Amino acid sequence: MEIPLDLLYTKEHEWVSVNDNIATVGITDYAQGELGDIVFVELPKVGDETRQMEPFGTIEAVKAVSELYAPVTGKVVEVNEELQDSPELINQDPYGKGWMIKVELSQPEELDKLLSPKDYEQLIG
């Protein structure tokens, strides 16, 4: 199981990468493994607002439907449209082609509340 050292994490198993005040968000390798085969993902639209630790969408696997939680507050500036036709990209490449949304940060200080790779590794044991 992969836990990239250049990302931040939530207790709900989302990851975030920040570049020039834009946060890219997805779910972790651990989360996709626990969910199993992902068959559908419902994401917000460009222009929608996210609030830290509030749901921004849902992910549906063969076994279960789960909510997705925003690691940061801001405005959605891009959505991974490929996931509509190919949700399995989340299973195949959770930190690459399986990214979900990009959010323009409105409260960058919230990043301090997220888990480091080491903290996330301890969380999942």
C-alpha atoms as a PDB file:
ATOM      1  CA  MET A   1       0.000   0.000   0.000  1.00  0.00           C
ATOM      2  CA  GLU A   2       1.328   3.355  -1.060  1.00  0.00           C
ATOM      3  CA  ILE A   3       1.435   6.530   1.108  1.00  0.00           C
ATOM      4  CA  PRO A   4       3.222   9.271  -0.874  1.00  0.00           C
ATOM      5  CA  LEU A   5       5.373  11.488   1.340  1.00  0.00           C
ATOM      6  CA  ASP A   6       4.546  14.713  -0.550  1.00  0.00           C
ATOM      7  CA  LEU A   7       0.798  14.676   0.262  1.00  0.00           C
ATOM      8  CA  LEU A   8      -1.410  15.537   3.241  1.00  0.00           C
ATOM      9  CA  TYR A   9      -4.251  13.281   4.412  1.00  0.00           C
ATOM     10  CA  THR A  10      -7.597  13.260   6.235  1.00  0.00           C
ATOM     11  CA  LYS A  11      -8.865  10.763   8.802  1.00  0.00           C
ATOM     12  CA  GLU A  12     -11.559   9.925   6.210  1.00  0.00           C
ATOM     13  CA  HIS A  13      -8.843   8.760   3.743  1.00  0.00           C
ATOM     14  CA  GLU A  14      -8.706  11.646   1.284  1.00  0.00           C
ATOM     15  CA  TRP A  15      -5.357  13.012   0.094  1.00  0.00           C
ATOM     16  CA  VAL A  16      -4.488  16.541  -0.965  1.00  0.00           C
ATOM     17  CA  SER A  17      -1.619  18.028  -2.932  1.00  0.00           C
ATOM     18  CA  VAL A  18      -1.225  21.826  -3.085  1.00  0.00           C
ATOM     19  CA  ASN A  19       0.417  23.769  -5.898  1.00  0.00           C
ATOM     20  CA  ASP A  20       0.048  27.573  -6.227  1.00  0.00           C
ATOM     21  CA  ASN A  21      -3.048  27.732  -3.956  1.00  0.00           C
ATOM     22  CA  ILE A  22      -4.795  24.948  -5.928  1.00  0.00           C
ATOM     23  CA  ALA A  23      -5.478  21.740  -4.008  1.00  0.00           C
ATOM     24  CA  THR A  24      -5.823  18.478  -5.922  1.00  0.00           C
ATOM     25  CA  VAL A  25      -7.978  15.974  -4.023  1.00  0.00           C
ATOM     26  CA  GLY A  26      -8.489  12.211  -4.256  1.00  0.00           C
ATOM     27  CA  ILE A  27      -8.845   9.142  -2.062  1.00  0.00           C
ATOM     28  CA  THR A  28      -5.924   7.114  -0.750  1.00  0.00           C
ATOM     29  CA  ASP A  29      -4.657   3.758  -1.942  1.00  0.00           C
ATOM     30  CA  TYR A  30      -5.849   2.335   1.396  1.00  0.00           C
ATOM     31  CA  ALA A  31      -9.387   3.691   0.827  1.00  0.00           C
ATOM     32  CA  GLN A  32      -9.718   2.346  -2.710  1.00  0.00           C
ATOM     33  CA  GLY A  33      -8.453  -1.029  -1.486  1.00  0.00           C
ATOM     34  CA  GLU A  34     -11.026  -1.131   1.313  1.00  0.00           C
ATOM     35  CA  LEU A  35     -13.847  -0.101  -1.045  1.00  0.00           C
ATOM     36  CA  GLY A  36     -13.014  -2.660  -3.720  1.00  0.00           C
ATOM     37  CA  ASP A  37     -14.083  -2.199  -7.334  1.00  0.00           C
ATOM     38  CA  ILE A  38     -15.323   1.369  -7.795  1.00  0.00           C
ATOM     39  CA  VAL A  39     -18.271   1.587 -10.184  1.00  0.00           C
ATOM     40  CA  PHE A  40     -19.463   5.203  -9.860  1.00  0.00           C
ATOM     41  CA  VAL A  41     -18.383   8.534  -8.432  1.00  0.00           C
ATOM     42  CA  GLU A  42     -20.536  11.637  -7.955  1.00  0.00           C
ATOM     43  CA  LEU A  43     -18.508  14.843  -7.859  1.00  0.00           C
ATOM     44  CA  PRO A  44     -19.382  18.537  -7.540  1.00  0.00           C
ATOM     45  CA  LYS A  45     -19.481  20.915 -10.499  1.00  0.00           C
ATOM     46  CA  VAL A  46     -16.896  23.566 -11.338  1.00  0.00           C
ATOM     47  CA  GLY A  47     -17.836  26.667  -9.341  1.00  0.00           C
ATOM     48  CA  ASP A  48     -19.275  24.723  -6.384  1.00  0.00           C
ATOM     49  CA  GLU A  49     -17.879  25.483  -2.928  1.00  0.00           C
ATOM     50  CA  THR A  50     -16.323  22.914  -0.600  1.00  0.00           C
ATOM     51  CA  ARG A  51     -16.031  23.211   3.175  1.00  0.00           C
ATOM     52  CA  GLN A  52     -13.330  21.419   5.111  1.00  0.00           C
ATOM     53  CA  MET A  53     -14.490  18.023   6.401  1.00  0.00           C
ATOM     54  CA  GLU A  54     -17.956  18.317   4.844  1.00  0.00           C
ATOM     55  CA  PRO A  55     -19.121  15.941   2.079  1.00  0.00           C
ATOM     56  CA  PHE A  56     -18.378  17.000  -1.503  1.00  0.00           C
ATOM     57  CA  GLY A  57     -19.580  13.870  -3.290  1.00  0.00           C
ATOM     58  CA  THR A  58     -20.060  10.120  -3.082  1.00  0.00           C
ATOM     59  CA  ILE A  59     -18.152   7.091  -4.263  1.00  0.00           C
ATOM     60  CA  GLU A  60     -19.890   3.828  -5.058  1.00  0.00           C
ATOM     61  CA  ALA A  61     -18.192   0.464  -5.045  1.00  0.00           C
ATOM     62  CA  VAL A  62     -19.609  -3.009  -5.522  1.00  0.00           C
ATOM     63  CA  LYS A  63     -19.680  -3.371  -1.711  1.00  0.00           C
ATOM     64  CA  ALA A  64     -20.792   0.063  -0.465  1.00  0.00           C
ATOM     65  CA  VAL A  65     -21.514   3.735  -1.077  1.00  0.00           C
ATOM     66  CA  SER A  66     -19.376   6.219   0.871  1.00  0.00           C
ATOM     67  CA  GLU A  67     -19.290   9.969   1.208  1.00  0.00           C
ATOM     68  CA  LEU A  68     -16.235  11.920   0.113  1.00  0.00           C
ATOM     69  CA  TYR A  69     -15.040  14.621   2.523  1.00  0.00           C
ATOM     70  CA  ALA A  70     -13.334  17.821   1.439  1.00  0.00           C
ATOM     71  CA  PRO A  71      -9.902  18.245   3.011  1.00  0.00           C
ATOM     72  CA  VAL A  72     -10.023  21.999   2.332  1.00  0.00           C
ATOM     73  CA  THR A  73     -12.454  24.910   1.946  1.00  0.00           C
ATOM     74  CA  GLY A  74     -12.621  26.662  -1.396  1.00  0.00           C
ATOM     75  CA  LYS A  75     -14.070  26.792  -4.882  1.00  0.00           C
ATOM     76  CA  VAL A  76     -13.987  23.822  -7.258  1.00  0.00           C
ATOM     77  CA  VAL A  77     -11.976  24.912 -10.317  1.00  0.00           C
ATOM     78  CA  GLU A  78     -11.664  21.550 -12.082  1.00  0.00           C
ATOM     79  CA  VAL A  79     -13.326  18.123 -11.959  1.00  0.00           C
ATOM     80  CA  ASN A  80     -11.791  14.916 -13.317  1.00  0.00           C
ATOM     81  CA  GLU A  81     -14.333  14.234 -16.075  1.00  0.00           C
ATOM     82  CA  GLU A  82     -12.597  10.941 -16.991  1.00  0.00           C
ATOM     83  CA  LEU A  83     -14.032   9.376 -13.833  1.00  0.00           C
ATOM     84  CA  GLN A  84     -17.588   9.563 -15.227  1.00  0.00           C
ATOM     85  CA  ASP A  85     -16.777   6.930 -17.859  1.00  0.00           C
ATOM     86  CA  SER A  86     -13.854   5.266 -16.074  1.00  0.00           C
ATOM     87  CA  PRO A  87     -14.330   5.278 -12.271  1.00  0.00           C
ATOM     88  CA  GLU A  88     -11.931   2.310 -12.110  1.00  0.00           C
ATOM     89  CA  LEU A  89      -9.081   4.821 -12.583  1.00  0.00           C
ATOM     90  CA  ILE A  90      -9.453   5.451  -8.834  1.00  0.00           C
ATOM     91  CA  ASN A  91      -8.576   1.781  -8.181  1.00  0.00           C
ATOM     92  CA  GLN A  92      -5.802   1.686 -10.778  1.00  0.00           C
ATOM     93  CA  ASP A  93      -4.054   5.001 -10.003  1.00  0.00           C
ATOM     94  CA  PRO A  94      -5.492   6.724  -6.888  1.00  0.00           C
ATOM     95  CA  TYR A  95      -2.691   9.322  -6.699  1.00  0.00           C
ATOM     96  CA  GLY A  96      -2.475  10.002 -10.434  1.00  0.00           C
ATOM     97  CA  LYS A  97      -5.212   9.545 -13.024  1.00  0.00           C
ATOM     98  CA  GLY A  98      -7.713   8.829 -10.220  1.00  0.00           C
ATOM     99  CA  TRP A  99      -7.654  12.380  -8.794  1.00  0.00           C
ATOM    100  CA  MET A 100     -11.158  13.806  -8.266  1.00  0.00           C
ATOM    101  CA  ILE A 101     -11.322  17.592  -7.932  1.00  0.00           C
ATOM    102  CA  LYS A 102      -9.132  20.682  -7.837  1.00  0.00           C
ATOM    103  CA  VAL A 103     -10.060  23.390  -5.341  1.00  0.00           C
ATOM    104  CA  GLU A 104      -8.851  26.979  -5.116  1.00  0.00           C
ATOM    105  CA  LEU A 105      -8.031  27.392  -1.429  1.00  0.00           C
ATOM    106  CA  SER A 106      -9.904  30.097   0.447  1.00  0.00           C
ATOM    107  CA  GLN A 107      -8.436  29.156   3.855  1.00  0.00           C
ATOM    108  CA  PRO A 108      -4.898  27.796   3.308  1.00  0.00           C
ATOM    109  CA  GLU A 109      -4.326  27.681   7.083  1.00  0.00           C
ATOM    110  CA  GLU A 110      -6.646  24.629   7.141  1.00  0.00           C
ATOM    111  CA  LEU A 111      -3.779  22.581   5.705  1.00  0.00           C
ATOM    112  CA  ASP A 112      -2.276  22.639   9.215  1.00  0.00           C
ATOM    113  CA  LYS A 113      -5.203  20.492  10.426  1.00  0.00           C
ATOM    114  CA  LEU A 114      -4.459  17.648   7.987  1.00  0.00           C
ATOM    115  CA  LEU A 115      -2.404  14.533   8.699  1.00  0.00           C
ATOM    116  CA  SER A 116       1.225  14.101   7.671  1.00  0.00           C
ATOM    117  CA  PRO A 117       2.133  10.895   5.795  1.00  0.00           C
ATOM    118  CA  LYS A 118       3.549   9.490   9.042  1.00  0.00           C
ATOM    119  CA  ASP A 119       0.367  10.355  11.000  1.00  0.00           C
ATOM    120  CA  TYR A 120      -1.779   8.797   8.271  1.00  0.00           C
ATOM    121  CA  GLU A 121       0.320   5.641   8.288  1.00  0.00           C
ATOM    122  CA  GLN A 122      -0.219   5.363  12.073  1.00  0.00           C
ATOM    123  CA  LEU A 123      -3.979   5.922  11.599  1.00  0.00           C
ATOM    124  CA  ILE A 124      -4.360   2.982   9.233  1.00  0.00           C
ATOM    125  CA  GLY A 125      -1.935   0.847  11.229  1.00  0.00           C
END
